[in-house]
Amino acid sequence: MTDSALKTRINDDVKAAMRSKDKERLATLRLLTAAIKQKEVDERIELNDDQIIAVLEKMLKQRKDSIEQYEKAGRDELAEAERKEVTILKEYMPEQLSDAEVDALIEEAISATCASTMKDMGKVMGMLKPKLAGKADMGAVSGKIKAKLAG
């Protein structure tokens, strides 16, 4: 059984949070390890770093959606709790690419796929997704591609 480096780091941080009695951090990390374990059990596989990053992305998206809902409902204390979880989860994400780097990759993908209309959006996204997974907000990337293909 080979553990991924990211999984080992998360487990070490769980132990450190237990020792330091950091309840908020420990709770968030336990949610993360549970999500990883659930995916491993469901798919009967050992997750690698890329798959763990996909789990993290999903959890971050859920937290962002929750923050939005809580703010609309005027539940600022719950929104703040979600923001703290987002901060902790982001520590395990790869370094984000700059806007200029993302724009360069989009241009490269558009020219490589000879994309010219919105119909070609899927080809461009398909090429970019593996390169940008965890390194950029795919929603924002999608918006940039639409703007370039439409304009």
N, C-alpha and C. Protein backbone atom coordinates (compact mmCIF):
# COMPACT_ATOMS: atom_id res chain seq x y z
N MET A 1 0.84 -1.18 0.00
CA MET A 1 0.00 0.00 0.00
C MET A 1 0.88 1.24 0.00
N THR A 2 0.83 2.02 -1.06
CA THR A 2 1.66 3.21 -1.15
C THR A 2 0.81 4.45 -0.91
N ASP A 3 1.18 5.20 0.10
CA ASP A 3 0.48 6.45 0.39
C ASP A 3 1.02 7.55 -0.50
N SER A 4 0.17 8.46 -0.90
CA SER A 4 0.64 9.62 -1.65
C SER A 4 1.27 10.60 -0.66
N ALA A 5 2.13 11.45 -1.16
CA ALA A 5 2.81 12.43 -0.31
C ALA A 5 1.78 13.36 0.34
N LEU A 6 0.77 13.74 -0.42
CA LEU A 6 -0.26 14.65 0.08
C LEU A 6 -1.07 14.00 1.20
N LYS A 7 -1.40 12.73 1.01
CA LYS A 7 -2.17 12.00 2.01
C LYS A 7 -1.36 11.86 3.30
N THR A 8 -0.08 11.59 3.17
CA THR A 8 0.81 11.48 4.33
C THR A 8 0.86 12.82 5.07
N ARG A 9 0.98 13.90 4.30
CA ARG A 9 1.03 15.24 4.90
C ARG A 9 -0.26 15.55 5.67
N ILE A 10 -1.39 15.19 5.07
CA ILE A 10 -2.68 15.44 5.73
C ILE A 10 -2.77 14.64 7.03
N ASN A 11 -2.40 13.37 6.97
CA ASN A 11 -2.44 12.53 8.18
C ASN A 11 -1.50 13.05 9.27
N ASP A 12 -0.32 13.51 8.87
CA ASP A 12 0.62 14.09 9.85
C ASP A 12 0.03 15.35 10.48
N ASP A 13 -0.66 16.15 9.66
CA ASP A 13 -1.27 17.38 10.17
C ASP A 13 -2.45 17.08 11.10
N VAL A 14 -3.15 15.97 10.86
CA VAL A 14 -4.23 15.55 11.76
C VAL A 14 -3.62 15.26 13.14
N LYS A 15 -2.53 14.52 13.14
CA LYS A 15 -1.86 14.18 14.41
C LYS A 15 -1.37 15.44 15.12
N ALA A 16 -0.80 16.37 14.35
CA ALA A 16 -0.29 17.61 14.94
C ALA A 16 -1.45 18.43 15.54
N ALA A 17 -2.58 18.47 14.84
CA ALA A 17 -3.75 19.21 15.33
C ALA A 17 -4.28 18.57 16.61
N MET A 18 -4.22 17.24 16.69
CA MET A 18 -4.66 16.54 17.91
C MET A 18 -3.76 16.92 19.08
N ARG A 19 -2.45 16.90 18.82
CA ARG A 19 -1.48 17.22 19.88
C ARG A 19 -1.62 18.66 20.37
N SER A 20 -1.87 19.57 19.43
CA SER A 20 -1.97 20.99 19.80
C SER A 20 -3.38 21.38 20.23
N LYS A 21 -4.30 20.41 20.20
CA LYS A 21 -5.69 20.63 20.60
C LYS A 21 -6.36 21.75 19.80
N ASP A 22 -6.01 21.82 18.50
CA ASP A 22 -6.62 22.80 17.59
C ASP A 22 -7.89 22.17 17.03
N LYS A 23 -9.01 22.39 17.71
CA LYS A 23 -10.27 21.71 17.39
C LYS A 23 -10.80 22.04 16.00
N GLU A 24 -10.75 23.32 15.61
CA GLU A 24 -11.27 23.71 14.29
C GLU A 24 -10.49 23.03 13.18
N ARG A 25 -9.17 23.11 13.27
CA ARG A 25 -8.31 22.51 12.25
C ARG A 25 -8.51 20.98 12.21
N LEU A 26 -8.57 20.38 13.38
CA LEU A 26 -8.75 18.93 13.47
C LEU A 26 -10.07 18.51 12.83
N ALA A 27 -11.13 19.24 13.10
CA ALA A 27 -12.45 18.91 12.53
C ALA A 27 -12.42 18.99 11.00
N THR A 28 -11.80 20.03 10.48
CA THR A 28 -11.73 20.20 9.02
C THR A 28 -10.89 19.09 8.39
N LEU A 29 -9.75 18.78 9.02
CA LEU A 29 -8.88 17.74 8.47
C LEU A 29 -9.55 16.36 8.55
N ARG A 30 -10.34 16.15 9.57
CA ARG A 30 -11.07 14.88 9.68
C ARG A 30 -12.12 14.78 8.58
N LEU A 31 -12.77 15.90 8.25
CA LEU A 31 -13.72 15.90 7.13
C LEU A 31 -13.00 15.53 5.83
N LEU A 32 -11.81 16.10 5.65
CA LEU A 32 -11.02 15.83 4.45
C LEU A 32 -10.61 14.36 4.39
N THR A 33 -10.09 13.83 5.49
CA THR A 33 -9.66 12.41 5.48
C THR A 33 -10.87 11.50 5.27
N ALA A 34 -12.02 11.87 5.81
CA ALA A 34 -13.23 11.07 5.61
C ALA A 34 -13.65 11.08 4.14
N ALA A 35 -13.55 12.24 3.49
CA ALA A 35 -13.92 12.35 2.07
C ALA A 35 -12.97 11.51 1.21
N ILE A 36 -11.69 11.56 1.55
CA ILE A 36 -10.70 10.76 0.82
C ILE A 36 -10.98 9.27 1.00
N LYS A 37 -11.18 8.87 2.24
CA LYS A 37 -11.45 7.46 2.56
C LYS A 37 -12.73 7.00 1.86
N GLN A 38 -13.77 7.84 1.86
CA GLN A 38 -15.03 7.49 1.21
C GLN A 38 -14.82 7.21 -0.28
N LYS A 39 -14.06 8.08 -0.93
CA LYS A 39 -13.79 7.90 -2.36
C LYS A 39 -13.00 6.62 -2.60
N GLU A 40 -12.03 6.35 -1.73
CA GLU A 40 -11.23 5.12 -1.86
C GLU A 40 -12.10 3.88 -1.69
N VAL A 41 -12.99 3.91 -0.73
CA VAL A 41 -13.87 2.77 -0.49
C VAL A 41 -14.85 2.60 -1.65
N ASP A 42 -15.46 3.70 -2.09
CA ASP A 42 -16.43 3.64 -3.18
C ASP A 42 -15.81 3.08 -4.46
N GLU A 43 -14.59 3.51 -4.76
CA GLU A 43 -13.97 3.12 -6.03
C GLU A 43 -12.98 1.96 -5.87
N ARG A 44 -12.78 1.51 -4.63
CA ARG A 44 -11.85 0.41 -4.34
C ARG A 44 -10.46 0.66 -4.90
N ILE A 45 -9.97 1.89 -4.67
CA ILE A 45 -8.63 2.26 -5.14
C ILE A 45 -7.92 3.04 -4.04
N GLU A 46 -6.61 3.20 -4.19
CA GLU A 46 -5.81 4.06 -3.32
C GLU A 46 -5.63 5.37 -4.10
N LEU A 47 -6.08 6.49 -3.56
CA LEU A 47 -6.01 7.75 -4.29
C LEU A 47 -4.57 8.26 -4.38
N ASN A 48 -4.24 8.82 -5.55
CA ASN A 48 -2.95 9.49 -5.70
C ASN A 48 -3.15 10.99 -5.45
N ASP A 49 -2.07 11.76 -5.53
CA ASP A 49 -2.15 13.19 -5.23
C ASP A 49 -3.16 13.92 -6.12
N ASP A 50 -3.18 13.60 -7.42
CA ASP A 50 -4.11 14.28 -8.33
C ASP A 50 -5.57 14.00 -7.95
N GLN A 51 -5.85 12.77 -7.55
CA GLN A 51 -7.22 12.43 -7.16
C GLN A 51 -7.59 13.10 -5.83
N ILE A 52 -6.61 13.23 -4.94
CA ILE A 52 -6.86 13.92 -3.67
C ILE A 52 -7.13 15.40 -3.93
N ILE A 53 -6.41 15.97 -4.89
CA ILE A 53 -6.64 17.38 -5.26
C ILE A 53 -8.06 17.54 -5.81
N ALA A 54 -8.53 16.56 -6.57
CA ALA A 54 -9.91 16.61 -7.09
C ALA A 54 -10.91 16.60 -5.93
N VAL A 55 -10.65 15.79 -4.90
CA VAL A 55 -11.51 15.76 -3.71
C VAL A 55 -11.47 17.13 -3.03
N LEU A 56 -10.29 17.70 -2.90
CA LEU A 56 -10.14 19.03 -2.29
C LEU A 56 -10.91 20.08 -3.07
N GLU A 57 -10.80 20.05 -4.41
CA GLU A 57 -11.52 21.02 -5.24
C GLU A 57 -13.02 20.93 -5.00
N LYS A 58 -13.52 19.71 -4.93
CA LYS A 58 -14.95 19.51 -4.70
C LYS A 58 -15.36 20.08 -3.34
N MET A 59 -14.55 19.80 -2.32
CA MET A 59 -14.86 20.31 -0.98
C MET A 59 -14.81 21.84 -0.95
N LEU A 60 -13.84 22.43 -1.63
CA LEU A 60 -13.73 23.89 -1.67
C LEU A 60 -14.94 24.50 -2.38
N LYS A 61 -15.35 23.88 -3.46
CA LYS A 61 -16.53 24.38 -4.19
C LYS A 61 -17.76 24.32 -3.29
N GLN A 62 -17.92 23.21 -2.55
CA GLN A 62 -19.06 23.08 -1.63
C GLN A 62 -19.02 24.19 -0.58
N ARG A 63 -17.84 24.46 -0.05
CA ARG A 63 -17.70 25.49 0.99
C ARG A 63 -18.05 26.87 0.42
N LYS A 64 -17.58 27.16 -0.79
CA LYS A 64 -17.87 28.46 -1.40
C LYS A 64 -19.37 28.63 -1.64
N ASP A 65 -20.01 27.56 -2.10
CA ASP A 65 -21.46 27.61 -2.30
C ASP A 65 -22.18 27.84 -0.96
N SER A 66 -21.72 27.16 0.08
CA SER A 66 -22.32 27.31 1.41
C SER A 66 -22.16 28.74 1.93
N ILE A 67 -20.97 29.31 1.74
CA ILE A 67 -20.72 30.69 2.19
C ILE A 67 -21.72 31.63 1.52
N GLU A 68 -21.89 31.45 0.22
CA GLU A 68 -22.83 32.29 -0.53
C GLU A 68 -24.25 32.17 0.04
N GLN A 69 -24.68 30.93 0.30
CA GLN A 69 -26.02 30.70 0.82
C GLN A 69 -26.18 31.30 2.23
N TYR A 70 -25.17 31.08 3.07
CA TYR A 70 -25.24 31.61 4.44
C TYR A 70 -25.29 33.13 4.44
N GLU A 71 -24.51 33.77 3.55
CA GLU A 71 -24.52 35.23 3.50
C GLU A 71 -25.88 35.75 3.04
N LYS A 72 -26.49 35.08 2.07
CA LYS A 72 -27.83 35.47 1.60
C LYS A 72 -28.85 35.37 2.73
N ALA A 73 -28.67 34.36 3.59
CA ALA A 73 -29.60 34.12 4.69
C ALA A 73 -29.25 34.95 5.93
N GLY A 74 -28.16 35.73 5.86
CA GLY A 74 -27.77 36.56 7.00
C GLY A 74 -27.14 35.76 8.13
N ARG A 75 -26.61 34.58 7.85
CA ARG A 75 -25.99 33.74 8.87
C ARG A 75 -24.47 33.90 8.80
N ASP A 76 -23.99 35.07 9.21
CA ASP A 76 -22.58 35.41 9.10
C ASP A 76 -21.67 34.49 9.90
N GLU A 77 -22.14 34.01 11.07
CA GLU A 77 -21.29 33.13 11.89
C GLU A 77 -21.04 31.80 11.18
N LEU A 78 -22.04 31.30 10.46
CA LEU A 78 -21.86 30.05 9.71
C LEU A 78 -20.97 30.28 8.49
N ALA A 79 -21.14 31.42 7.84
CA ALA A 79 -20.30 31.76 6.68
C ALA A 79 -18.84 31.87 7.12
N GLU A 80 -18.61 32.46 8.29
CA GLU A 80 -17.25 32.61 8.80
C GLU A 80 -16.62 31.25 9.10
N ALA A 81 -17.40 30.32 9.65
CA ALA A 81 -16.91 28.97 9.93
C ALA A 81 -16.50 28.28 8.62
N GLU A 82 -17.29 28.47 7.58
CA GLU A 82 -16.96 27.88 6.27
C GLU A 82 -15.69 28.51 5.70
N ARG A 83 -15.54 29.84 5.89
CA ARG A 83 -14.33 30.52 5.40
C ARG A 83 -13.08 29.96 6.07
N LYS A 84 -13.18 29.67 7.36
CA LYS A 84 -12.03 29.08 8.07
C LYS A 84 -11.69 27.71 7.49
N GLU A 85 -12.71 26.92 7.15
CA GLU A 85 -12.47 25.61 6.54
C GLU A 85 -11.81 25.78 5.17
N VAL A 86 -12.26 26.76 4.40
CA VAL A 86 -11.67 27.02 3.08
C VAL A 86 -10.18 27.33 3.23
N THR A 87 -9.84 28.17 4.21
CA THR A 87 -8.45 28.54 4.45
C THR A 87 -7.59 27.31 4.75
N ILE A 88 -8.11 26.42 5.58
CA ILE A 88 -7.37 25.21 5.94
C ILE A 88 -7.23 24.29 4.72
N LEU A 89 -8.31 24.09 3.98
CA LEU A 89 -8.27 23.19 2.82
C LEU A 89 -7.34 23.71 1.72
N LYS A 90 -7.29 25.04 1.54
CA LYS A 90 -6.45 25.62 0.50
C LYS A 90 -4.96 25.35 0.73
N GLU A 91 -4.58 25.08 1.97
CA GLU A 91 -3.18 24.79 2.28
C GLU A 91 -2.68 23.56 1.53
N TYR A 92 -3.59 22.68 1.15
CA TYR A 92 -3.20 21.42 0.51
C TYR A 92 -3.31 21.47 -1.01
N MET A 93 -3.75 22.60 -1.53
CA MET A 93 -3.86 22.76 -2.97
C MET A 93 -2.51 23.18 -3.55
N PRO A 94 -2.25 22.81 -4.82
CA PRO A 94 -1.00 23.27 -5.44
C PRO A 94 -1.04 24.79 -5.60
N GLU A 95 0.12 25.38 -5.80
CA GLU A 95 0.20 26.83 -5.98
C GLU A 95 -0.62 27.22 -7.20
N GLN A 96 -1.42 28.28 -7.05
CA GLN A 96 -2.29 28.73 -8.13
C GLN A 96 -1.47 29.46 -9.20
N LEU A 97 -1.87 29.27 -10.46
CA LEU A 97 -1.21 29.96 -11.56
C LEU A 97 -1.68 31.41 -11.62
N SER A 98 -0.83 32.28 -12.13
CA SER A 98 -1.21 33.69 -12.28
C SER A 98 -2.17 33.82 -13.46
N ASP A 99 -2.86 34.96 -13.53
CA ASP A 99 -3.78 35.21 -14.65
C ASP A 99 -3.04 35.16 -15.98
N ALA A 100 -1.83 35.71 -16.00
CA ALA A 100 -1.05 35.72 -17.25
C ALA A 100 -0.71 34.30 -17.69
N GLU A 101 -0.35 33.44 -16.74
CA GLU A 101 -0.03 32.05 -17.08
C GLU A 101 -1.27 31.32 -17.60
N VAL A 102 -2.42 31.56 -16.94
CA VAL A 102 -3.67 30.93 -17.38
C VAL A 102 -4.03 31.42 -18.78
N ASP A 103 -3.91 32.74 -19.02
CA ASP A 103 -4.23 33.30 -20.33
C ASP A 103 -3.34 32.70 -21.42
N ALA A 104 -2.05 32.52 -21.11
CA ALA A 104 -1.12 31.93 -22.08
C ALA A 104 -1.52 30.49 -22.41
N LEU A 105 -1.90 29.72 -21.39
CA LEU A 105 -2.33 28.33 -21.62
C LEU A 105 -3.62 28.29 -22.43
N ILE A 106 -4.52 29.24 -22.19
CA ILE A 106 -5.78 29.30 -22.95
C ILE A 106 -5.47 29.58 -24.42
N GLU A 107 -4.62 30.57 -24.68
CA GLU A 107 -4.23 30.91 -26.06
C GLU A 107 -3.61 29.70 -26.75
N GLU A 108 -2.73 29.02 -26.04
CA GLU A 108 -2.05 27.84 -26.58
C GLU A 108 -3.08 26.75 -26.94
N ALA A 109 -4.03 26.52 -26.04
CA ALA A 109 -5.05 25.49 -26.28
C ALA A 109 -5.97 25.86 -27.44
N ILE A 110 -6.32 27.14 -27.54
CA ILE A 110 -7.20 27.58 -28.63
C ILE A 110 -6.49 27.39 -29.97
N SER A 111 -5.22 27.76 -30.04
CA SER A 111 -4.51 27.60 -31.32
C SER A 111 -4.24 26.12 -31.62
N ALA A 112 -3.95 25.31 -30.59
CA ALA A 112 -3.68 23.89 -30.81
C ALA A 112 -4.91 23.13 -31.28
N THR A 113 -6.10 23.56 -30.82
CA THR A 113 -7.34 22.87 -31.22
C THR A 113 -8.01 23.56 -32.41
N CYS A 114 -7.41 24.64 -32.88
CA CYS A 114 -7.98 25.44 -33.98
C CYS A 114 -9.41 25.88 -33.66
N ALA A 115 -9.64 26.20 -32.40
CA ALA A 115 -10.97 26.61 -31.96
C ALA A 115 -11.28 28.02 -32.46
N SER A 116 -12.51 28.20 -32.94
CA SER A 116 -12.90 29.51 -33.43
C SER A 116 -14.29 29.92 -32.99
N THR A 117 -15.11 28.96 -32.58
CA THR A 117 -16.48 29.29 -32.16
C THR A 117 -16.77 28.64 -30.81
N MET A 118 -17.94 28.98 -30.26
CA MET A 118 -18.35 28.41 -28.98
C MET A 118 -18.50 26.89 -29.06
N LYS A 119 -18.74 26.36 -30.26
CA LYS A 119 -18.88 24.91 -30.43
C LYS A 119 -17.57 24.18 -30.07
N ASP A 120 -16.47 24.91 -30.17
CA ASP A 120 -15.14 24.32 -29.90
C ASP A 120 -14.75 24.40 -28.43
N MET A 121 -15.63 24.96 -27.61
CA MET A 121 -15.35 25.16 -26.18
C MET A 121 -14.94 23.85 -25.50
N GLY A 122 -15.65 22.77 -25.80
CA GLY A 122 -15.37 21.47 -25.18
C GLY A 122 -13.97 20.98 -25.46
N LYS A 123 -13.51 21.17 -26.70
CA LYS A 123 -12.15 20.75 -27.07
C LYS A 123 -11.11 21.51 -26.25
N VAL A 124 -11.31 22.81 -26.16
CA VAL A 124 -10.36 23.67 -25.43
C VAL A 124 -10.34 23.30 -23.95
N MET A 125 -11.53 23.16 -23.36
CA MET A 125 -11.61 22.79 -21.93
C MET A 125 -10.99 21.42 -21.70
N GLY A 126 -11.24 20.49 -22.61
CA GLY A 126 -10.69 19.15 -22.49
C GLY A 126 -9.17 19.15 -22.48
N MET A 127 -8.59 20.05 -23.26
CA MET A 127 -7.13 20.14 -23.32
C MET A 127 -6.57 20.82 -22.07
N LEU A 128 -7.30 21.81 -21.56
CA LEU A 128 -6.81 22.60 -20.42
C LEU A 128 -7.01 21.92 -19.07
N LYS A 129 -8.08 21.17 -18.92
CA LYS A 129 -8.43 20.61 -17.61
C LYS A 129 -7.27 19.86 -16.95
N PRO A 130 -6.59 18.95 -17.65
CA PRO A 130 -5.48 18.24 -16.98
C PRO A 130 -4.33 19.19 -16.58
N LYS A 131 -4.09 20.22 -17.37
CA LYS A 131 -2.99 21.15 -17.08
C LYS A 131 -3.32 22.09 -15.92
N LEU A 132 -4.60 22.42 -15.77
CA LEU A 132 -5.00 23.43 -14.79
C LEU A 132 -5.65 22.87 -13.53
N ALA A 133 -5.87 21.56 -13.49
CA ALA A 133 -6.56 20.96 -12.34
C ALA A 133 -5.89 21.35 -11.03
N GLY A 134 -6.65 22.02 -10.18
CA GLY A 134 -6.14 22.42 -8.88
C GLY A 134 -5.27 23.66 -8.89
N LYS A 135 -4.92 24.13 -10.07
CA LYS A 135 -4.01 25.27 -10.17
C LYS A 135 -4.72 26.55 -10.59
N ALA A 136 -6.01 26.42 -10.94
CA ALA A 136 -6.78 27.60 -11.35
C ALA A 136 -8.26 27.30 -11.15
N ASP A 137 -9.03 28.35 -10.98
CA ASP A 137 -10.49 28.22 -10.84
C ASP A 137 -11.06 27.94 -12.22
N MET A 138 -11.57 26.72 -12.42
CA MET A 138 -12.04 26.31 -13.74
C MET A 138 -13.26 27.11 -14.18
N GLY A 139 -14.03 27.63 -13.25
CA GLY A 139 -15.16 28.49 -13.61
C GLY A 139 -14.67 29.77 -14.27
N ALA A 140 -13.63 30.35 -13.69
CA ALA A 140 -13.06 31.58 -14.25
C ALA A 140 -12.40 31.29 -15.60
N VAL A 141 -11.73 30.14 -15.71
CA VAL A 141 -11.08 29.75 -16.96
C VAL A 141 -12.15 29.60 -18.06
N SER A 142 -13.26 28.96 -17.72
CA SER A 142 -14.35 28.78 -18.66
C SER A 142 -14.86 30.14 -19.17
N GLY A 143 -15.02 31.08 -18.25
CA GLY A 143 -15.46 32.43 -18.63
C GLY A 143 -14.49 33.11 -19.58
N LYS A 144 -13.19 32.94 -19.32
CA LYS A 144 -12.18 33.56 -20.19
C LYS A 144 -12.22 32.94 -21.59
N ILE A 145 -12.39 31.61 -21.64
CA ILE A 145 -12.45 30.94 -22.95
C ILE A 145 -13.68 31.41 -23.72
N LYS A 146 -14.82 31.49 -23.04
CA LYS A 146 -16.06 31.97 -23.71
C LYS A 146 -15.84 33.37 -24.27
N ALA A 147 -15.19 34.24 -23.50
CA ALA A 147 -14.97 35.61 -23.95
C ALA A 147 -14.08 35.63 -25.20
N LYS A 148 -13.05 34.79 -25.22
CA LYS A 148 -12.15 34.76 -26.36
C LYS A 148 -12.83 34.16 -27.60
N LEU A 149 -13.61 33.11 -27.42
CA LEU A 149 -14.26 32.46 -28.55
C LEU A 149 -15.45 33.28 -29.07
N ALA A 150 -16.11 34.01 -28.19
CA ALA A 150 -17.25 34.82 -28.61
C ALA A 150 -16.80 36.11 -29.28
N GLY A 151 -15.67 36.65 -28.80
CA GLY A 151 -15.22 37.95 -29.29
C GLY A 151 -14.22 37.79 -30.32
